Amino acid sequence: MLEAVRDATTNYTIDKNRIVAHGAGNGGQMAFNLAFRARDVFRGAATLGAVMTEPLENVPELRLAFYVAAGDRDPVIKAIAETRSKLVINRFPVLYRVFPNRGREYLDDNAFAELVRWIDALDRL
């Protein structure tokens, strides 16, 4: 996956301040890992219904921001809230959303539009 991102940024005009790893559930865990391991490439991770293990240390010159979302009926909502807390304690910028009356469904149109706005603002975080 990292090779595909590097290939795309080499061959196309892409704003490198807005490259985000995104995933839901296990894919979200992979997005966390990828963003932490390739900070020179990614500026953020946007996850839905994903739990992060331990965050790595914040490196100010390699900015990394997080969009962490979940449905309030997700069986792992408490662990997702702990994920947010771990990121905040480590001084990462986090936009945290809990959607009412939802489980593990993907983002609806309004939430997806918010995610797009968050990505667009990454160069200002």
PDB file of N, CA and C in Angstrom:
ATOM      1  N   MET A   1       0.822  -1.189   0.000  1.00  0.00           N
ATOM      2  CA  MET A   1       0.000   0.000   0.000  1.00  0.00           C
ATOM      3  C   MET A   1       0.874   1.263   0.000  1.00  0.00           C
ATOM      4  N   LEU A   2       1.901   1.268   0.801  1.00  0.00           N
ATOM      5  CA  LEU A   2       2.780   2.429   0.871  1.00  0.00           C
ATOM      6  C   LEU A   2       3.433   2.708  -0.480  1.00  0.00           C
ATOM      7  N   GLU A   3       3.793   1.656  -1.177  1.00  0.00           N
ATOM      8  CA  GLU A   3       4.391   1.810  -2.506  1.00  0.00           C
ATOM      9  C   GLU A   3       3.396   2.450  -3.476  1.00  0.00           C
ATOM     10  N   ALA A   4       2.135   2.095  -3.372  1.00  0.00           N
ATOM     11  CA  ALA A   4       1.105   2.683  -4.232  1.00  0.00           C
ATOM     12  C   ALA A   4       0.947   4.175  -3.961  1.00  0.00           C
ATOM     13  N   VAL A   5       1.006   4.566  -2.701  1.00  0.00           N
ATOM     14  CA  VAL A   5       0.914   5.987  -2.354  1.00  0.00           C
ATOM     15  C   VAL A   5       2.130   6.735  -2.895  1.00  0.00           C
ATOM     16  N   ARG A   6       3.283   6.172  -2.714  1.00  0.00           N
ATOM     17  CA  ARG A   6       4.504   6.829  -3.219  1.00  0.00           C
ATOM     18  C   ARG A   6       4.480   6.925  -4.745  1.00  0.00           C
ATOM     19  N   ASP A   7       3.987   5.905  -5.409  1.00  0.00           N
ATOM     20  CA  ASP A   7       3.865   5.925  -6.860  1.00  0.00           C
ATOM     21  C   ASP A   7       2.897   7.023  -7.303  1.00  0.00           C
ATOM     22  N   ALA A   8       1.752   7.117  -6.630  1.00  0.00           N
ATOM     23  CA  ALA A   8       0.756   8.136  -6.985  1.00  0.00           C
ATOM     24  C   ALA A   8       1.300   9.545  -6.766  1.00  0.00           C
ATOM     25  N   THR A   9       2.018   9.766  -5.676  1.00  0.00           N
ATOM     26  CA  THR A   9       2.547  11.110  -5.416  1.00  0.00           C
ATOM     27  C   THR A   9       3.682  11.474  -6.368  1.00  0.00           C
ATOM     28  N   THR A  10       4.314  10.477  -6.928  1.00  0.00           N
ATOM     29  CA  THR A  10       5.370  10.728  -7.905  1.00  0.00           C
ATOM     30  C   THR A  10       4.785  11.047  -9.279  1.00  0.00           C
ATOM     31  N   ASN A  11       3.713  10.361  -9.655  1.00  0.00           N
ATOM     32  CA  ASN A  11       3.172  10.476 -11.003  1.00  0.00           C
ATOM     33  C   ASN A  11       2.005  11.445 -11.154  1.00  0.00           C
ATOM     34  N   TYR A  12       1.446  11.916 -10.050  1.00  0.00           N
ATOM     35  CA  TYR A  12       0.297  12.820 -10.112  1.00  0.00           C
ATOM     36  C   TYR A  12       0.526  14.013  -9.188  1.00  0.00           C
ATOM     37  N   THR A  13      -0.192  15.070  -9.445  1.00  0.00           N
ATOM     38  CA  THR A  13      -0.112  16.247  -8.587  1.00  0.00           C
ATOM     39  C   THR A  13      -1.023  16.014  -7.384  1.00  0.00           C
ATOM     40  N   ILE A  14      -0.411  15.760  -6.247  1.00  0.00           N
ATOM     41  CA  ILE A  14      -1.138  15.466  -5.019  1.00  0.00           C
ATOM     42  C   ILE A  14      -0.573  16.344  -3.913  1.00  0.00           C
ATOM     43  N   ASP A  15      -1.464  16.955  -3.142  1.00  0.00           N
ATOM     44  CA  ASP A  15      -1.043  17.767  -2.009  1.00  0.00           C
ATOM     45  C   ASP A  15      -0.556  16.841  -0.898  1.00  0.00           C
ATOM     46  N   LYS A  16       0.715  16.845  -0.652  1.00  0.00           N
ATOM     47  CA  LYS A  16       1.303  15.931   0.323  1.00  0.00           C
ATOM     48  C   LYS A  16       0.911  16.254   1.761  1.00  0.00           C
ATOM     49  N   ASN A  17       0.288  17.403   1.978  1.00  0.00           N
ATOM     50  CA  ASN A  17      -0.192  17.751   3.316  1.00  0.00           C
ATOM     51  C   ASN A  17      -1.554  17.152   3.613  1.00  0.00           C
ATOM     52  N   ARG A  18      -2.144  16.458   2.656  1.00  0.00           N
ATOM     53  CA  ARG A  18      -3.488  15.918   2.832  1.00  0.00           C
ATOM     54  C   ARG A  18      -3.568  14.418   2.519  1.00  0.00           C
ATOM     55  N   ILE A  19      -2.492  13.711   2.708  1.00  0.00           N
ATOM     56  CA  ILE A  19      -2.502  12.271   2.482  1.00  0.00           C
ATOM     57  C   ILE A  19      -2.871  11.589   3.802  1.00  0.00           C
ATOM     58  N   VAL A  20      -3.938  10.781   3.740  1.00  0.00           N
ATOM     59  CA  VAL A  20      -4.509  10.174   4.940  1.00  0.00           C
ATOM     60  C   VAL A  20      -4.668   8.673   4.742  1.00  0.00           C
ATOM     61  N   ALA A  21      -4.329   7.907   5.773  1.00  0.00           N
ATOM     62  CA  ALA A  21      -4.636   6.475   5.798  1.00  0.00           C
ATOM     63  C   ALA A  21      -6.041   6.349   6.367  1.00  0.00           C
ATOM     64  N   HIS A  22      -6.904   5.573   5.713  1.00  0.00           N
ATOM     65  CA  HIS A  22      -8.294   5.463   6.141  1.00  0.00           C
ATOM     66  C   HIS A  22      -8.738   4.016   6.149  1.00  0.00           C
ATOM     67  N   GLY A  23      -9.539   3.672   7.165  1.00  0.00           N
ATOM     68  CA  GLY A  23     -10.084   2.330   7.219  1.00  0.00           C
ATOM     69  C   GLY A  23     -11.106   2.196   8.316  1.00  0.00           C
ATOM     70  N   ALA A  24     -11.868   1.115   8.244  1.00  0.00           N
ATOM     71  CA  ALA A  24     -12.885   0.820   9.251  1.00  0.00           C
ATOM     72  C   ALA A  24     -12.604  -0.550   9.857  1.00  0.00           C
ATOM     73  N   GLY A  25     -12.871  -0.690  11.150  1.00  0.00           N
ATOM     74  CA  GLY A  25     -12.621  -1.951  11.829  1.00  0.00           C
ATOM     75  C   GLY A  25     -11.151  -2.328  11.764  1.00  0.00           C
ATOM     76  N   ASN A  26     -10.868  -3.541  11.301  1.00  0.00           N
ATOM     77  CA  ASN A  26      -9.472  -3.972  11.173  1.00  0.00           C
ATOM     78  C   ASN A  26      -8.700  -3.089  10.199  1.00  0.00           C
ATOM     79  N   GLY A  27      -9.378  -2.593   9.172  1.00  0.00           N
ATOM     80  CA  GLY A  27      -8.734  -1.665   8.236  1.00  0.00           C
ATOM     81  C   GLY A  27      -8.343  -0.366   8.919  1.00  0.00           C
ATOM     82  N   GLY A  28      -9.111   0.035   9.918  1.00  0.00           N
ATOM     83  CA  GLY A  28      -8.769   1.218  10.699  1.00  0.00           C
ATOM     84  C   GLY A  28      -7.536   0.990  11.554  1.00  0.00           C
ATOM     85  N   GLN A  29      -7.416  -0.214  12.099  1.00  0.00           N
ATOM     86  CA  GLN A  29      -6.202  -0.543  12.850  1.00  0.00           C
ATOM     87  C   GLN A  29      -4.984  -0.469  11.931  1.00  0.00           C
ATOM     88  N   MET A  30      -5.152  -0.945  10.710  1.00  0.00           N
ATOM     89  CA  MET A  30      -4.070  -0.869   9.741  1.00  0.00           C
ATOM     90  C   MET A  30      -3.765   0.595   9.397  1.00  0.00           C
ATOM     91  N   ALA A  31      -4.794   1.439   9.314  1.00  0.00           N
ATOM     92  CA  ALA A  31      -4.581   2.861   9.029  1.00  0.00           C
ATOM     93  C   ALA A  31      -3.781   3.526  10.147  1.00  0.00           C
ATOM     94  N   PHE A  32      -4.107   3.210  11.409  1.00  0.00           N
ATOM     95  CA  PHE A  32      -3.316   3.735  12.527  1.00  0.00           C
ATOM     96  C   PHE A  32      -1.853   3.338  12.369  1.00  0.00           C
ATOM     97  N   ASN A  33      -1.630   2.059  12.161  1.00  0.00           N
ATOM     98  CA  ASN A  33      -0.273   1.535  12.050  1.00  0.00           C
ATOM     99  C   ASN A  33       0.479   2.175  10.888  1.00  0.00           C
ATOM    100  N   LEU A  34      -0.163   2.248   9.744  1.00  0.00           N
ATOM    101  CA  LEU A  34       0.470   2.813   8.558  1.00  0.00           C
ATOM    102  C   LEU A  34       0.838   4.279   8.766  1.00  0.00           C
ATOM    103  N   ALA A  35      -0.075   5.046   9.342  1.00  0.00           N
ATOM    104  CA  ALA A  35       0.200   6.474   9.573  1.00  0.00           C
ATOM    105  C   ALA A  35       1.371   6.663  10.526  1.00  0.00           C
ATOM    106  N   PHE A  36       1.421   5.855  11.591  1.00  0.00           N
ATOM    107  CA  PHE A  36       2.530   5.973  12.541  1.00  0.00           C
ATOM    108  C   PHE A  36       3.857   5.533  11.934  1.00  0.00           C
ATOM    109  N   ARG A  37       3.817   4.493  11.130  1.00  0.00           N
ATOM    110  CA  ARG A  37       5.067   3.937  10.586  1.00  0.00           C
ATOM    111  C   ARG A  37       5.599   4.710   9.377  1.00  0.00           C
ATOM    112  N   ALA A  38       4.742   5.464   8.713  1.00  0.00           N
ATOM    113  CA  ALA A  38       5.189   6.208   7.523  1.00  0.00           C
ATOM    114  C   ALA A  38       4.810   7.682   7.663  1.00  0.00           C
ATOM    115  N   ARG A  39       5.264   8.294   8.725  1.00  0.00           N
ATOM    116  CA  ARG A  39       4.932   9.703   8.984  1.00  0.00           C
ATOM    117  C   ARG A  39       5.480  10.640   7.925  1.00  0.00           C
ATOM    118  N   ASP A  40       6.484  10.202   7.208  1.00  0.00           N
ATOM    119  CA  ASP A  40       7.017  11.029   6.138  1.00  0.00           C
ATOM    120  C   ASP A  40       6.051  11.110   4.963  1.00  0.00           C
ATOM    121  N   VAL A  41       5.079  10.206   4.911  1.00  0.00           N
ATOM    122  CA  VAL A  41       4.109  10.156   3.817  1.00  0.00           C
ATOM    123  C   VAL A  41       2.730  10.636   4.265  1.00  0.00           C
ATOM    124  N   PHE A  42       2.257  10.144   5.396  1.00  0.00           N
ATOM    125  CA  PHE A  42       0.891  10.414   5.846  1.00  0.00           C
ATOM    126  C   PHE A  42       0.838  11.590   6.822  1.00  0.00           C
ATOM    127  N   ARG A  43      -0.214  12.377   6.705  1.00  0.00           N
ATOM    128  CA  ARG A  43      -0.444  13.494   7.625  1.00  0.00           C
ATOM    129  C   ARG A  43      -1.573  13.191   8.587  1.00  0.00           C
ATOM    130  N   GLY A  44      -2.238  12.052   8.380  1.00  0.00           N
ATOM    131  CA  GLY A  44      -3.323  11.706   9.277  1.00  0.00           C
ATOM    132  C   GLY A  44      -3.814  10.301   9.066  1.00  0.00           C
ATOM    133  N   ALA A  45      -4.655   9.888  10.019  1.00  0.00           N
ATOM    134  CA  ALA A  45      -5.368   8.618   9.916  1.00  0.00           C
ATOM    135  C   ALA A  45      -6.823   8.901  10.240  1.00  0.00           C
ATOM    136  N   ALA A  46      -7.705   8.397   9.410  1.00  0.00           N
ATOM    137  CA  ALA A  46      -9.143   8.537   9.615  1.00  0.00           C
ATOM    138  C   ALA A  46      -9.697   7.135   9.809  1.00  0.00           C
ATOM    139  N   THR A  47     -10.223   6.875  11.007  1.00  0.00           N
ATOM    140  CA  THR A  47     -10.673   5.525  11.323  1.00  0.00           C
ATOM    141  C   THR A  47     -12.126   5.517  11.766  1.00  0.00           C
ATOM    142  N   LEU A  48     -12.762   4.402  11.523  1.00  0.00           N
ATOM    143  CA  LEU A  48     -14.151   4.204  11.922  1.00  0.00           C
ATOM    144  C   LEU A  48     -14.250   2.844  12.598  1.00  0.00           C
ATOM    145  N   GLY A  49     -14.648   2.846  13.854  1.00  0.00           N
ATOM    146  CA  GLY A  49     -14.805   1.586  14.574  1.00  0.00           C
ATOM    147  C   GLY A  49     -13.507   0.833  14.762  1.00  0.00           C
ATOM    148  N   ALA A  50     -12.421   1.566  14.950  1.00  0.00           N
ATOM    149  CA  ALA A  50     -11.108   0.932  15.068  1.00  0.00           C
ATOM    150  C   ALA A  50     -10.469   1.245  16.414  1.00  0.00           C
ATOM    151  N   VAL A  51      -9.779   0.257  16.933  1.00  0.00           N
ATOM    152  CA  VAL A  51      -9.071   0.400  18.197  1.00  0.00           C
ATOM    153  C   VAL A  51      -7.580   0.407  17.903  1.00  0.00           C
ATOM    154  N   MET A  52      -6.884   1.334  18.532  1.00  0.00           N
ATOM    155  CA  MET A  52      -5.441   1.439  18.366  1.00  0.00           C
ATOM    156  C   MET A  52      -4.765   0.817  19.574  1.00  0.00           C
ATOM    157  N   THR A  53      -3.643   0.153  19.355  1.00  0.00           N
ATOM    158  CA  THR A  53      -2.883  -0.346  20.491  1.00  0.00           C
ATOM    159  C   THR A  53      -2.209   0.856  21.145  1.00  0.00           C
ATOM    160  N   GLU A  54      -0.953   0.879  21.285  1.00  0.00           N
ATOM    161  CA  GLU A  54      -0.269   2.018  21.899  1.00  0.00           C
ATOM    162  C   GLU A  54       0.216   2.992  20.830  1.00  0.00           C
ATOM    163  N   PRO A  55      -0.088   4.284  20.995  1.00  0.00           N
ATOM    164  CA  PRO A  55       0.417   5.256  20.017  1.00  0.00           C
ATOM    165  C   PRO A  55       1.915   5.460  20.198  1.00  0.00           C
ATOM    166  N   LEU A  56       2.561   5.772  19.117  1.00  0.00           N
ATOM    167  CA  LEU A  56       3.966   6.118  19.204  1.00  0.00           C
ATOM    168  C   LEU A  56       4.079   7.564  19.666  1.00  0.00           C
ATOM    169  N   GLU A  57       5.256   7.974  19.973  1.00  0.00           N
ATOM    170  CA  GLU A  57       5.500   9.327  20.447  1.00  0.00           C
ATOM    171  C   GLU A  57       5.186  10.357  19.365  1.00  0.00           C
ATOM    172  N   ASN A  58       4.708  11.498  19.803  1.00  0.00           N
ATOM    173  CA  ASN A  58       4.424  12.594  18.884  1.00  0.00           C
ATOM    174  C   ASN A  58       5.744  13.239  18.468  1.00  0.00           C
ATOM    175  N   VAL A  59       5.925  13.430  17.185  1.00  0.00           N
ATOM    176  CA  VAL A  59       7.124  14.070  16.640  1.00  0.00           C
ATOM    177  C   VAL A  59       6.652  15.348  15.945  1.00  0.00           C
ATOM    178  N   PRO A  60       6.843  16.519  16.592  1.00  0.00           N
ATOM    179  CA  PRO A  60       6.270  17.762  16.061  1.00  0.00           C
ATOM    180  C   PRO A  60       6.630  18.077  14.610  1.00  0.00           C
ATOM    181  N   GLU A  61       7.826  17.745  14.172  1.00  0.00           N
ATOM    182  CA  GLU A  61       8.199  18.070  12.791  1.00  0.00           C
ATOM    183  C   GLU A  61       7.576  17.106  11.776  1.00  0.00           C
ATOM    184  N   LEU A  62       6.957  16.033  12.252  1.00  0.00           N
ATOM    185  CA  LEU A  62       6.237  15.091  11.386  1.00  0.00           C
ATOM    186  C   LEU A  62       4.777  15.058  11.851  1.00  0.00           C
ATOM    187  N   ARG A  63       4.052  16.099  11.496  1.00  0.00           N
ATOM    188  CA  ARG A  63       2.670  16.256  11.961  1.00  0.00           C
ATOM    189  C   ARG A  63       1.817  15.046  11.608  1.00  0.00           C
ATOM    190  N   LEU A  64       0.978  14.676  12.566  1.00  0.00           N
ATOM    191  CA  LEU A  64       0.062  13.567  12.366  1.00  0.00           C
ATOM    192  C   LEU A  64      -1.213  13.882  13.130  1.00  0.00           C
ATOM    193  N   ALA A  65      -2.352  13.869  12.432  1.00  0.00           N
ATOM    194  CA  ALA A  65      -3.649  14.162  13.045  1.00  0.00           C
ATOM    195  C   ALA A  65      -4.562  12.953  12.866  1.00  0.00           C
ATOM    196  N   PHE A  66      -5.628  12.911  13.686  1.00  0.00           N
ATOM    197  CA  PHE A  66      -6.501  11.741  13.674  1.00  0.00           C
ATOM    198  C   PHE A  66      -7.968  12.134  13.657  1.00  0.00           C
ATOM    199  N   TYR A  67      -8.732  11.407  12.837  1.00  0.00           N
ATOM    200  CA  TYR A  67     -10.192  11.472  12.818  1.00  0.00           C
ATOM    201  C   TYR A  67     -10.634  10.097  13.303  1.00  0.00           C
ATOM    202  N   VAL A  68     -11.186  10.049  14.513  1.00  0.00           N
ATOM    203  CA  VAL A  68     -11.575   8.791  15.133  1.00  0.00           C
ATOM    204  C   VAL A  68     -13.091   8.810  15.303  1.00  0.00           C
ATOM    205  N   ALA A  69     -13.776   7.854  14.688  1.00  0.00           N
ATOM    206  CA  ALA A  69     -15.233   7.840  14.724  1.00  0.00           C
ATOM    207  C   ALA A  69     -15.745   6.438  15.041  1.00  0.00           C
ATOM    208  N   ALA A  70     -16.955   6.420  15.618  1.00  0.00           N
ATOM    209  CA  ALA A  70     -17.595   5.148  15.940  1.00  0.00           C
ATOM    210  C   ALA A  70     -19.080   5.364  16.155  1.00  0.00           C
ATOM    211  N   GLY A  71     -19.837   4.313  16.009  1.00  0.00           N
ATOM    212  CA  GLY A  71     -21.249   4.343  16.371  1.00  0.00           C
ATOM    213  C   GLY A  71     -21.387   4.048  17.854  1.00  0.00           C
ATOM    214  N   ASP A  72     -22.370   4.654  18.503  1.00  0.00           N
ATOM    215  CA  ASP A  72     -22.523   4.431  19.946  1.00  0.00           C
ATOM    216  C   ASP A  72     -22.948   3.002  20.288  1.00  0.00           C
ATOM    217  N   ARG A  73     -23.361   2.236  19.291  1.00  0.00           N
ATOM    218  CA  ARG A  73     -23.734   0.836  19.508  1.00  0.00           C
ATOM    219  C   ARG A  73     -22.623  -0.141  19.104  1.00  0.00           C
ATOM    220  N   ASP A  74     -21.484   0.390  18.710  1.00  0.00           N
ATOM    221  CA  ASP A  74     -20.345  -0.457  18.353  1.00  0.00           C
ATOM    222  C   ASP A  74     -19.915  -1.225  19.605  1.00  0.00           C
ATOM    223  N   PRO A  75     -19.732  -2.534  19.515  1.00  0.00           N
ATOM    224  CA  PRO A  75     -19.363  -3.314  20.703  1.00  0.00           C
ATOM    225  C   PRO A  75     -18.026  -2.910  21.326  1.00  0.00           C
ATOM    226  N   VAL A  76     -17.170  -2.224  20.578  1.00  0.00           N
ATOM    227  CA  VAL A  76     -15.868  -1.822  21.128  1.00  0.00           C
ATOM    228  C   VAL A  76     -15.788  -0.308  21.358  1.00  0.00           C
ATOM    229  N   ILE A  77     -16.931   0.345  21.575  1.00  0.00           N
ATOM    230  CA  ILE A  77     -16.958   1.797  21.733  1.00  0.00           C
ATOM    231  C   ILE A  77     -16.074   2.267  22.897  1.00  0.00           C
ATOM    232  N   LYS A  78     -16.032   1.517  23.987  1.00  0.00           N
ATOM    233  CA  LYS A  78     -15.196   1.923  25.127  1.00  0.00           C
ATOM    234  C   LYS A  78     -13.719   1.907  24.755  1.00  0.00           C
ATOM    235  N   ALA A  79     -13.294   0.906  24.027  1.00  0.00           N
ATOM    236  CA  ALA A  79     -11.895   0.826  23.594  1.00  0.00           C
ATOM    237  C   ALA A  79     -11.586   1.926  22.580  1.00  0.00           C
ATOM    238  N   ILE A  80     -12.560   2.289  21.763  1.00  0.00           N
ATOM    239  CA  ILE A  80     -12.360   3.381  20.803  1.00  0.00           C
ATOM    240  C   ILE A  80     -12.217   4.709  21.551  1.00  0.00           C
ATOM    241  N   ALA A  81     -13.017   4.910  22.603  1.00  0.00           N
ATOM    242  CA  ALA A  81     -12.884   6.109  23.428  1.00  0.00           C
ATOM    243  C   ALA A  81     -11.512   6.146  24.109  1.00  0.00           C
ATOM    244  N   GLU A  82     -11.020   4.992  24.528  1.00  0.00           N
ATOM    245  CA  GLU A  82      -9.671   4.927  25.114  1.00  0.00           C
ATOM    246  C   GLU A  82      -8.607   5.268  24.074  1.00  0.00           C
ATOM    247  N   THR A  83      -8.840   4.863  22.831  1.00  0.00           N
ATOM    248  CA  THR A  83      -7.928   5.223  21.742  1.00  0.00           C
ATOM    249  C   THR A  83      -7.812   6.736  21.644  1.00  0.00           C
ATOM    250  N   ARG A  84      -8.953   7.410  21.642  1.00  0.00           N
ATOM    251  CA  ARG A  84      -8.955   8.872  21.611  1.00  0.00           C
ATOM    252  C   ARG A  84      -8.154   9.444  22.778  1.00  0.00           C
ATOM    253  N   SER A  85      -8.395   8.931  23.969  1.00  0.00           N
ATOM    254  CA  SER A  85      -7.696   9.435  25.157  1.00  0.00           C
ATOM    255  C   SER A  85      -6.185   9.256  25.047  1.00  0.00           C
ATOM    256  N   LYS A  86      -5.754   8.101  24.554  1.00  0.00           N
ATOM    257  CA  LYS A  86      -4.314   7.860  24.388  1.00  0.00           C
ATOM    258  C   LYS A  86      -3.693   8.860  23.422  1.00  0.00           C
ATOM    259  N   LEU A  87      -4.394   9.140  22.338  1.00  0.00           N
ATOM    260  CA  LEU A  87      -3.877  10.097  21.358  1.00  0.00           C
ATOM    261  C   LEU A  87      -3.795  11.501  21.959  1.00  0.00           C
ATOM    262  N   VAL A  88      -4.833  11.907  22.681  1.00  0.00           N
ATOM    263  CA  VAL A  88      -4.854  13.236  23.297  1.00  0.00           C
ATOM    264  C   VAL A  88      -3.737  13.359  24.330  1.00  0.00           C
ATOM    265  N   ILE A  89      -3.552  12.337  25.146  1.00  0.00           N
ATOM    266  CA  ILE A  89      -2.480  12.354  26.151  1.00  0.00           C
ATOM    267  C   ILE A  89      -1.124  12.538  25.485  1.00  0.00           C
ATOM    268  N   ASN A  90      -0.959  11.948  24.315  1.00  0.00           N
ATOM    269  CA  ASN A  90       0.301  12.084  23.568  1.00  0.00           C
ATOM    270  C   ASN A  90       0.337  13.336  22.696  1.00  0.00           C
ATOM    271  N   ARG A  91      -0.637  14.208  22.880  1.00  0.00           N
ATOM    272  CA  ARG A  91      -0.682  15.531  22.258  1.00  0.00           C
ATOM    273  C   ARG A  91      -0.852  15.514  20.741  1.00  0.00           C
ATOM    274  N   PHE A  92      -1.609  14.533  20.246  1.00  0.00           N
ATOM    275  CA  PHE A  92      -1.969  14.510  18.841  1.00  0.00           C
ATOM    276  C   PHE A  92      -3.290  15.237  18.659  1.00  0.00           C
ATOM    277  N   PRO A  93      -3.480  15.978  17.569  1.00  0.00           N
ATOM    278  CA  PRO A  93      -4.794  16.547  17.292  1.00  0.00           C
ATOM    279  C   PRO A  93      -5.772  15.441  16.896  1.00  0.00           C
ATOM    280  N   VAL A  94      -6.933  15.432  17.553  1.00  0.00           N
ATOM    281  CA  VAL A  94      -7.921  14.377  17.325  1.00  0.00           C
ATOM    282  C   VAL A  94      -9.304  14.993  17.159  1.00  0.00           C
ATOM    283  N   LEU A  95      -9.975  14.624  16.091  1.00  0.00           N
ATOM    284  CA  LEU A  95     -11.394  14.927  15.937  1.00  0.00           C
ATOM    285  C   LEU A  95     -12.104  13.612  16.222  1.00  0.00           C
ATOM    286  N   TYR A  96     -12.886  13.593  17.295  1.00  0.00           N
ATOM    287  CA  TYR A  96     -13.545  12.371  17.760  1.00  0.00           C
ATOM    288  C   TYR A  96     -15.043  12.518  17.593  1.00  0.00           C
ATOM    289  N   ARG A  97     -15.657  11.531  16.945  1.00  0.00           N
ATOM    290  CA  ARG A  97     -17.096  11.552  16.715  1.00  0.00           C
ATOM    291  C   ARG A  97     -17.716  10.220  17.123  1.00  0.00           C
ATOM    292  N   VAL A  98     -18.821  10.326  17.865  1.00  0.00           N
ATOM    293  CA  VAL A  98     -19.632   9.153  18.180  1.00  0.00           C
ATOM    294  C   VAL A  98     -20.998   9.406  17.579  1.00  0.00           C
ATOM    295  N   PHE A  99     -21.409   8.521  16.698  1.00  0.00           N
ATOM    296  CA  PHE A  99     -22.676   8.687  15.997  1.00  0.00           C
ATOM    297  C   PHE A  99     -23.778   7.919  16.727  1.00  0.00           C
ATOM    298  N   PRO A 100     -24.873   8.611  17.089  1.00  0.00           N
ATOM    299  CA  PRO A 100     -25.952   7.962  17.838  1.00  0.00           C
ATOM    300  C   PRO A 100     -26.716   6.948  16.990  1.00  0.00           C
ATOM    301  N   ASN A 101     -27.179   5.924  17.668  1.00  0.00           N
ATOM    302  CA  ASN A 101     -28.009   4.880  17.057  1.00  0.00           C
ATOM    303  C   ASN A 101     -27.334   4.177  15.887  1.00  0.00           C
ATOM    304  N   ARG A 102     -26.029   4.023  15.980  1.00  0.00           N
ATOM    305  CA  ARG A 102     -25.277   3.353  14.910  1.00  0.00           C
ATOM    306  C   ARG A 102     -24.360   2.313  15.533  1.00  0.00           C
ATOM    307  N   GLY A 103     -24.108   1.295  14.763  1.00  0.00           N
ATOM    308  CA  GLY A 103     -23.173   0.253  15.185  1.00  0.00           C
ATOM    309  C   GLY A 103     -21.889   0.379  14.399  1.00  0.00           C
ATOM    310  N   ARG A 104     -21.692  -0.553  13.493  1.00  0.00           N
ATOM    311  CA  ARG A 104     -20.458  -0.569  12.701  1.00  0.00           C
ATOM    312  C   ARG A 104     -20.685  -0.144  11.258  1.00  0.00           C
ATOM    313  N   GLU A 105     -21.801   0.545  10.998  1.00  0.00           N
ATOM    314  CA  GLU A 105     -22.067   1.007   9.637  1.00  0.00           C
ATOM    315  C   GLU A 105     -21.037   2.066   9.227  1.00  0.00           C
ATOM    316  N   TYR A 106     -20.870   2.193   7.907  1.00  0.00           N
ATOM    317  CA  TYR A 106     -19.949   3.203   7.401  1.00  0.00           C
ATOM    318  C   TYR A 106     -20.561   4.592   7.577  1.00  0.00           C
ATOM    319  N   LEU A 107     -19.758   5.603   7.372  1.00  0.00           N
ATOM    320  CA  LEU A 107     -20.193   6.985   7.511  1.00  0.00           C
ATOM    321  C   LEU A 107     -21.368   7.306   6.591  1.00  0.00           C
ATOM    322  N   ASP A 108     -22.327   8.071   7.105  1.00  0.00           N
ATOM    323  CA  ASP A 108     -23.410   8.549   6.240  1.00  0.00           C
ATOM    324  C   ASP A 108     -22.893   9.766   5.462  1.00  0.00           C
ATOM    325  N   ASP A 109     -23.715  10.338   4.615  1.00  0.00           N
ATOM    326  CA  ASP A 109     -23.271  11.442   3.751  1.00  0.00           C
ATOM    327  C   ASP A 109     -22.762  12.639   4.547  1.00  0.00           C
ATOM    328  N   ASN A 110     -23.454  13.011   5.624  1.00  0.00           N
ATOM    329  CA  ASN A 110     -23.034  14.165   6.421  1.00  0.00           C
ATOM    330  C   ASN A 110     -21.696  13.912   7.117  1.00  0.00           C
ATOM    331  N   ALA A 111     -21.538  12.733   7.679  1.00  0.00           N
ATOM    332  CA  ALA A 111     -20.282  12.395   8.343  1.00  0.00           C
ATOM    333  C   ALA A 111     -19.141  12.308   7.333  1.00  0.00           C
ATOM    334  N   PHE A 112     -19.422  11.767   6.153  1.00  0.00           N
ATOM    335  CA  PHE A 112     -18.394  11.685   5.121  1.00  0.00           C
ATOM    336  C   PHE A 112     -17.970  13.087   4.677  1.00  0.00           C
ATOM    337  N   ALA A 113     -18.933  14.000   4.554  1.00  0.00           N
ATOM    338  CA  ALA A 113     -18.615  15.385   4.193  1.00  0.00           C
ATOM    339  C   ALA A 113     -17.743  16.024   5.271  1.00  0.00           C
ATOM    340  N   GLU A 114     -18.017  15.716   6.538  1.00  0.00           N
ATOM    341  CA  GLU A 114     -17.188  16.236   7.625  1.00  0.00           C
ATOM    342  C   GLU A 114     -15.766  15.690   7.511  1.00  0.00           C
ATOM    343  N   LEU A 115     -15.639  14.400   7.203  1.00  0.00           N
ATOM    344  CA  LEU A 115     -14.319  13.799   7.022  1.00  0.00           C
ATOM    345  C   LEU A 115     -13.557  14.498   5.904  1.00  0.00           C
ATOM    346  N   VAL A 116     -14.218  14.778   4.809  1.00  0.00           N
ATOM    347  CA  VAL A 116     -13.577  15.473   3.685  1.00  0.00           C
ATOM    348  C   VAL A 116     -13.111  16.861   4.115  1.00  0.00           C
ATOM    349  N   ARG A 117     -13.935  17.574   4.884  1.00  0.00           N
ATOM    350  CA  ARG A 117     -13.528  18.903   5.382  1.00  0.00           C
ATOM    351  C   ARG A 117     -12.324  18.784   6.305  1.00  0.00           C
ATOM    352  N   TRP A 118     -12.306  17.742   7.142  1.00  0.00           N
ATOM    353  CA  TRP A 118     -11.165  17.517   8.034  1.00  0.00           C
ATOM    354  C   TRP A 118      -9.886  17.297   7.224  1.00  0.00           C
ATOM    355  N   ILE A 119      -9.975  16.470   6.192  1.00  0.00           N
ATOM    356  CA  ILE A 119      -8.805  16.238   5.340  1.00  0.00           C
ATOM    357  C   ILE A 119      -8.360  17.537   4.688  1.00  0.00           C
ATOM    358  N   ASP A 120      -9.316  18.333   4.209  1.00  0.00           N
ATOM    359  CA  ASP A 120      -8.987  19.593   3.567  1.00  0.00           C
ATOM    360  C   ASP A 120      -8.286  20.560   4.528  1.00  0.00           C
ATOM    361  N   ALA A 121      -8.559  20.459   5.817  1.00  0.00           N
ATOM    362  CA  ALA A 121      -7.974  21.367   6.803  1.00  0.00           C
ATOM    363  C   ALA A 121      -6.646  20.865   7.377  1.00  0.00           C
ATOM    364  N   LEU A 122      -6.179  19.712   6.969  1.00  0.00           N
ATOM    365  CA  LEU A 122      -4.960  19.157   7.552  1.00  0.00           C
ATOM    366  C   LEU A 122      -3.753  20.081   7.443  1.00  0.00           C
ATOM    367  N   ASP A 123      -3.678  20.865   6.403  1.00  0.00           N
ATOM    368  CA  ASP A 123      -2.525  21.766   6.268  1.00  0.00           C
ATOM    369  C   ASP A 123      -2.605  22.923   7.267  1.00  0.00           C
ATOM    370  N   ARG A 124      -3.739  23.072   7.946  1.00  0.00           N
ATOM    371  CA  ARG A 124      -3.892  24.149   8.923  1.00  0.00           C
ATOM    372  C   ARG A 124      -3.823  23.653  10.358  1.00  0.00           C
ATOM    373  N   LEU A 125      -3.749  22.350  10.563  1.00  0.00           N
ATOM    374  CA  LEU A 125      -3.702  21.805  11.925  1.00  0.00           C
ATOM    375  C   LEU A 125      -2.311  21.906  12.501  1.00  0.00           C
TER     376      LEU A 125
END
